[in-house]
């Protein structure tokens, strides 16, 4: 599920061809969202440790 969202965002960026600053903003926003998702997943559901490892690669 995580990789599908990443691919969709990349396709939209390529089609729209945004400025470099907008690309950096989207990248950092995605990184922050990913870190929050990993933290919630680690704290809330520790039994899904294998899924967290795959998403971090």
PDB file of N, CA and C in Angstrom:
ATOM      1  N   UNK A   1       0.842  -1.203   0.000  1.00  0.00           N
ATOM      2  CA  UNK A   1       0.000   0.000   0.000  1.00  0.00           C
ATOM      3  C   UNK A   1       0.874   1.249   0.000  1.00  0.00           C
ATOM      4  N   UNK A   2       1.977   1.185   0.726  1.00  0.00           N
ATOM      5  CA  UNK A   2       2.847   2.357   0.834  1.00  0.00           C
ATOM      6  C   UNK A   2       3.500   2.668  -0.507  1.00  0.00           C
ATOM      7  N   UNK A   3       3.921   1.642  -1.225  1.00  0.00           N
ATOM      8  CA  UNK A   3       4.619   1.862  -2.488  1.00  0.00           C
ATOM      9  C   UNK A   3       3.662   2.386  -3.553  1.00  0.00           C
ATOM     10  N   UNK A   4       2.396   1.985  -3.510  1.00  0.00           N
ATOM     11  CA  UNK A   4       1.419   2.461  -4.495  1.00  0.00           C
ATOM     12  C   UNK A   4       1.217   3.963  -4.359  1.00  0.00           C
ATOM     13  N   UNK A   5       1.129   4.467  -3.114  1.00  0.00           N
ATOM     14  CA  UNK A   5       0.964   5.909  -2.918  1.00  0.00           C
ATOM     15  C   UNK A   5       2.181   6.649  -3.442  1.00  0.00           C
ATOM     16  N   UNK A   6       3.364   6.118  -3.202  1.00  0.00           N
ATOM     17  CA  UNK A   6       4.594   6.787  -3.641  1.00  0.00           C
ATOM     18  C   UNK A   6       4.621   6.872  -5.168  1.00  0.00           C
ATOM     19  N   UNK A   7       4.227   5.800  -5.840  1.00  0.00           N
ATOM     20  CA  UNK A   7       4.236   5.796  -7.304  1.00  0.00           C
ATOM     21  C   UNK A   7       3.238   6.811  -7.837  1.00  0.00           C
ATOM     22  N   UNK A   8       2.043   6.889  -7.209  1.00  0.00           N
ATOM     23  CA  UNK A   8       1.025   7.821  -7.678  1.00  0.00           C
ATOM     24  C   UNK A   8       1.516   9.264  -7.538  1.00  0.00           C
ATOM     25  N   UNK A   9       2.177   9.580  -6.419  1.00  0.00           N
ATOM     26  CA  UNK A   9       2.692  10.939  -6.219  1.00  0.00           C
ATOM     27  C   UNK A   9       3.758  11.250  -7.264  1.00  0.00           C
ATOM     28  N   UNK A  10       4.628  10.285  -7.552  1.00  0.00           N
ATOM     29  CA  UNK A  10       5.689  10.516  -8.531  1.00  0.00           C
ATOM     30  C   UNK A  10       5.098  10.769  -9.913  1.00  0.00           C
ATOM     31  N   UNK A  11       4.071  10.007 -10.281  1.00  0.00           N
ATOM     32  CA  UNK A  11       3.460  10.201 -11.599  1.00  0.00           C
ATOM     33  C   UNK A  11       2.841  11.592 -11.712  1.00  0.00           C
ATOM     34  N   UNK A  12       2.183  12.057 -10.671  1.00  0.00           N
ATOM     35  CA  UNK A  12       1.559  13.378 -10.720  1.00  0.00           C
ATOM     36  C   UNK A  12       2.625  14.461 -10.821  1.00  0.00           C
ATOM     37  N   UNK A  13       3.759  14.278 -10.139  1.00  0.00           N
ATOM     38  CA  UNK A  13       4.832  15.270 -10.211  1.00  0.00           C
ATOM     39  C   UNK A  13       5.429  15.316 -11.614  1.00  0.00           C
ATOM     40  N   UNK A  14       5.591  14.168 -12.246  1.00  0.00           N
ATOM     41  CA  UNK A  14       6.180  14.146 -13.589  1.00  0.00           C
ATOM     42  C   UNK A  14       5.230  14.793 -14.593  1.00  0.00           C
ATOM     43  N   UNK A  15       3.929  14.525 -14.483  1.00  0.00           N
ATOM     44  CA  UNK A  15       2.978  15.071 -15.454  1.00  0.00           C
ATOM     45  C   UNK A  15       2.825  16.583 -15.289  1.00  0.00           C
ATOM     46  N   UNK A  16       2.821  17.058 -14.042  1.00  0.00           N
ATOM     47  CA  UNK A  16       2.640  18.487 -13.811  1.00  0.00           C
ATOM     48  C   UNK A  16       3.939  19.266 -13.992  1.00  0.00           C
ATOM     49  N   UNK A  17       5.090  18.612 -13.811  1.00  0.00           N
ATOM     50  CA  UNK A  17       6.394  19.265 -13.925  1.00  0.00           C
ATOM     51  C   UNK A  17       6.474  20.502 -13.032  1.00  0.00           C
ATOM     52  N   UNK A  18       6.414  20.340 -11.707  1.00  0.00           N
ATOM     53  CA  UNK A  18       6.436  21.474 -10.786  1.00  0.00           C
ATOM     54  C   UNK A  18       7.840  22.044 -10.639  1.00  0.00           C
ATOM     55  N   UNK A  19       7.975  23.248 -10.058  1.00  0.00           N
ATOM     56  CA  UNK A  19       9.299  23.822  -9.799  1.00  0.00           C
ATOM     57  C   UNK A  19      10.094  22.960  -8.822  1.00  0.00           C
ATOM     58  N   UNK A  20      11.393  23.207  -8.784  1.00  0.00           N
ATOM     59  CA  UNK A  20      12.253  22.404  -7.923  1.00  0.00           C
ATOM     60  C   UNK A  20      11.914  22.619  -6.456  1.00  0.00           C
ATOM     61  N   UNK A  21      11.554  23.853  -6.086  1.00  0.00           N
ATOM     62  CA  UNK A  21      11.215  24.145  -4.688  1.00  0.00           C
ATOM     63  C   UNK A  21       9.961  23.377  -4.272  1.00  0.00           C
ATOM     64  N   UNK A  22       9.004  23.287  -5.182  1.00  0.00           N
ATOM     65  CA  UNK A  22       7.779  22.542  -4.870  1.00  0.00           C
ATOM     66  C   UNK A  22       8.087  21.059  -4.714  1.00  0.00           C
ATOM     67  N   UNK A  23       9.016  20.565  -5.537  1.00  0.00           N
ATOM     68  CA  UNK A  23       9.413  19.165  -5.441  1.00  0.00           C
ATOM     69  C   UNK A  23      10.051  18.881  -4.080  1.00  0.00           C
ATOM     70  N   UNK A  24      10.921  19.803  -3.618  1.00  0.00           N
ATOM     71  CA  UNK A  24      11.553  19.627  -2.310  1.00  0.00           C
ATOM     72  C   UNK A  24      10.510  19.658  -1.201  1.00  0.00           C
ATOM     73  N   UNK A  25       9.544  20.559  -1.327  1.00  0.00           N
ATOM     74  CA  UNK A  25       8.498  20.659  -0.312  1.00  0.00           C
ATOM     75  C   UNK A  25       7.688  19.366  -0.241  1.00  0.00           C
ATOM     76  N   UNK A  26       7.357  18.809  -1.401  1.00  0.00           N
ATOM     77  CA  UNK A  26       6.600  17.565  -1.424  1.00  0.00           C
ATOM     78  C   UNK A  26       7.434  16.429  -0.819  1.00  0.00           C
ATOM     79  N   UNK A  27       8.740  16.437  -1.097  1.00  0.00           N
ATOM     80  CA  UNK A  27       9.596  15.369  -0.595  1.00  0.00           C
ATOM     81  C   UNK A  27       9.664  15.416   0.933  1.00  0.00           C
ATOM     82  N   UNK A  28       9.899  16.614   1.497  1.00  0.00           N
ATOM     83  CA  UNK A  28       9.996  16.718   2.955  1.00  0.00           C
ATOM     84  C   UNK A  28       8.651  16.432   3.616  1.00  0.00           C
ATOM     85  N   UNK A  29       7.577  16.857   2.993  1.00  0.00           N
ATOM     86  CA  UNK A  29       6.252  16.571   3.547  1.00  0.00           C
ATOM     87  C   UNK A  29       6.008  15.060   3.563  1.00  0.00           C
ATOM     88  N   UNK A  30       6.440  14.385   2.500  1.00  0.00           N
ATOM     89  CA  UNK A  30       6.279  12.931   2.444  1.00  0.00           C
ATOM     90  C   UNK A  30       7.143  12.255   3.501  1.00  0.00           C
ATOM     91  N   UNK A  31       8.359  12.750   3.704  1.00  0.00           N
ATOM     92  CA  UNK A  31       9.246  12.175   4.703  1.00  0.00           C
ATOM     93  C   UNK A  31       8.661  12.329   6.107  1.00  0.00           C
ATOM     94  N   UNK A  32       8.133  13.514   6.396  1.00  0.00           N
ATOM     95  CA  UNK A  32       7.538  13.744   7.719  1.00  0.00           C
ATOM     96  C   UNK A  32       6.341  12.823   7.907  1.00  0.00           C
ATOM     97  N   UNK A  33       5.504  12.700   6.873  1.00  0.00           N
ATOM     98  CA  UNK A  33       4.335  11.831   6.974  1.00  0.00           C
ATOM     99  C   UNK A  33       4.760  10.381   7.164  1.00  0.00           C
ATOM    100  N   UNK A  34       5.828   9.976   6.465  1.00  0.00           N
ATOM    101  CA  UNK A  34       6.303   8.596   6.594  1.00  0.00           C
ATOM    102  C   UNK A  34       6.839   8.343   7.999  1.00  0.00           C
ATOM    103  N   UNK A  35       7.588   9.314   8.558  1.00  0.00           N
ATOM    104  CA  UNK A  35       8.125   9.131   9.904  1.00  0.00           C
ATOM    105  C   UNK A  35       7.000   9.045  10.932  1.00  0.00           C
ATOM    106  N   UNK A  36       5.969   9.885  10.788  1.00  0.00           N
ATOM    107  CA  UNK A  36       4.840   9.833  11.715  1.00  0.00           C
ATOM    108  C   UNK A  36       4.132   8.491  11.593  1.00  0.00           C
ATOM    109  N   UNK A  37       3.960   7.996  10.347  1.00  0.00           N
ATOM    110  CA  UNK A  37       3.290   6.715  10.152  1.00  0.00           C
ATOM    111  C   UNK A  37       4.102   5.594  10.782  1.00  0.00           C
ATOM    112  N   UNK A  38       5.443   5.649  10.646  1.00  0.00           N
ATOM    113  CA  UNK A  38       6.285   4.617  11.239  1.00  0.00           C
ATOM    114  C   UNK A  38       6.207   4.671  12.763  1.00  0.00           C
ATOM    115  N   UNK A  39       6.213   5.889  13.336  1.00  0.00           N
ATOM    116  CA  UNK A  39       6.150   6.019  14.791  1.00  0.00           C
ATOM    117  C   UNK A  39       4.820   5.478  15.322  1.00  0.00           C
ATOM    118  N   UNK A  40       3.732   5.819  14.670  1.00  0.00           N
ATOM    119  CA  UNK A  40       2.415   5.330  15.104  1.00  0.00           C
ATOM    120  C   UNK A  40       2.357   3.812  14.984  1.00  0.00           C
ATOM    121  N   UNK A  41       2.917   3.297  13.899  1.00  0.00           N
ATOM    122  CA  UNK A  41       2.883   1.857  13.684  1.00  0.00           C
ATOM    123  C   UNK A  41       3.745   1.139  14.722  1.00  0.00           C
ATOM    124  N   UNK A  42       4.894   1.728  15.080  1.00  0.00           N
ATOM    125  CA  UNK A  42       5.767   1.097  16.068  1.00  0.00           C
ATOM    126  C   UNK A  42       5.117   1.123  17.448  1.00  0.00           C
ATOM    127  N   UNK A  43       4.494   2.253  17.801  1.00  0.00           N
ATOM    128  CA  UNK A  43       3.906   2.367  19.129  1.00  0.00           C
ATOM    129  C   UNK A  43       2.600   1.585  19.227  1.00  0.00           C
ATOM    130  N   UNK A  44       1.775   1.668  18.186  1.00  0.00           N
ATOM    131  CA  UNK A  44       0.440   1.072  18.266  1.00  0.00           C
ATOM    132  C   UNK A  44       0.436  -0.414  17.969  1.00  0.00           C
ATOM    133  N   UNK A  45       1.121  -0.820  16.904  1.00  0.00           N
ATOM    134  CA  UNK A  45       1.067  -2.221  16.498  1.00  0.00           C
ATOM    135  C   UNK A  45       2.487  -2.765  16.379  1.00  0.00           C
ATOM    136  N   UNK A  46       3.016  -3.278  17.471  1.00  0.00           N
ATOM    137  CA  UNK A  46       4.391  -3.781  17.467  1.00  0.00           C
ATOM    138  C   UNK A  46       4.479  -5.126  16.760  1.00  0.00           C
ATOM    139  N   UNK A  47       3.336  -5.776  16.512  1.00  0.00           N
ATOM    140  CA  UNK A  47       3.374  -7.096  15.883  1.00  0.00           C
ATOM    141  C   UNK A  47       3.626  -6.987  14.382  1.00  0.00           C
ATOM    142  N   UNK A  48       3.535  -5.763  13.811  1.00  0.00           N
ATOM    143  CA  UNK A  48       3.775  -5.567  12.378  1.00  0.00           C
ATOM    144  C   UNK A  48       5.180  -5.044  12.137  1.00  0.00           C
ATOM    145  N   UNK A  49       6.153  -5.562  12.859  1.00  0.00           N
ATOM    146  CA  UNK A  49       7.525  -5.063  12.727  1.00  0.00           C
ATOM    147  C   UNK A  49       8.070  -5.371  11.338  1.00  0.00           C
ATOM    148  N   UNK A  50       7.690  -6.503  10.763  1.00  0.00           N
ATOM    149  CA  UNK A  50       8.201  -6.873   9.440  1.00  0.00           C
ATOM    150  C   UNK A  50       7.706  -5.881   8.385  1.00  0.00           C
ATOM    151  N   UNK A  51       6.444  -5.430   8.496  1.00  0.00           N
ATOM    152  CA  UNK A  51       5.909  -4.482   7.519  1.00  0.00           C
ATOM    153  C   UNK A  51       6.635  -3.153   7.613  1.00  0.00           C
ATOM    154  N   UNK A  52       6.968  -2.710   8.825  1.00  0.00           N
ATOM    155  CA  UNK A  52       7.686  -1.453   9.000  1.00  0.00           C
ATOM    156  C   UNK A  52       9.063  -1.547   8.358  1.00  0.00           C
ATOM    157  N   UNK A  53       9.715  -2.700   8.477  1.00  0.00           N
ATOM    158  CA  UNK A  53      11.030  -2.871   7.881  1.00  0.00           C
ATOM    159  C   UNK A  53      10.969  -2.787   6.363  1.00  0.00           C
ATOM    160  N   UNK A  54       9.926  -3.351   5.756  1.00  0.00           N
ATOM    161  CA  UNK A  54       9.809  -3.288   4.297  1.00  0.00           C
ATOM    162  C   UNK A  54       9.550  -1.863   3.838  1.00  0.00           C
ATOM    163  N   UNK A  55       8.779  -1.099   4.592  1.00  0.00           N
ATOM    164  CA  UNK A  55       8.438   0.263   4.175  1.00  0.00           C
ATOM    165  C   UNK A  55       9.644   1.185   4.298  1.00  0.00           C
ATOM    166  N   UNK A  56      10.553   0.906   5.230  1.00  0.00           N
ATOM    167  CA  UNK A  56      11.692   1.806   5.442  1.00  0.00           C
ATOM    168  C   UNK A  56      12.737   1.649   4.350  1.00  0.00           C
ATOM    169  N   UNK A  57      12.727   0.520   3.628  1.00  0.00           N
ATOM    170  CA  UNK A  57      13.731   0.297   2.571  1.00  0.00           C
ATOM    171  C   UNK A  57      13.432   1.210   1.376  1.00  0.00           C
TER     172      UNK A  57
END
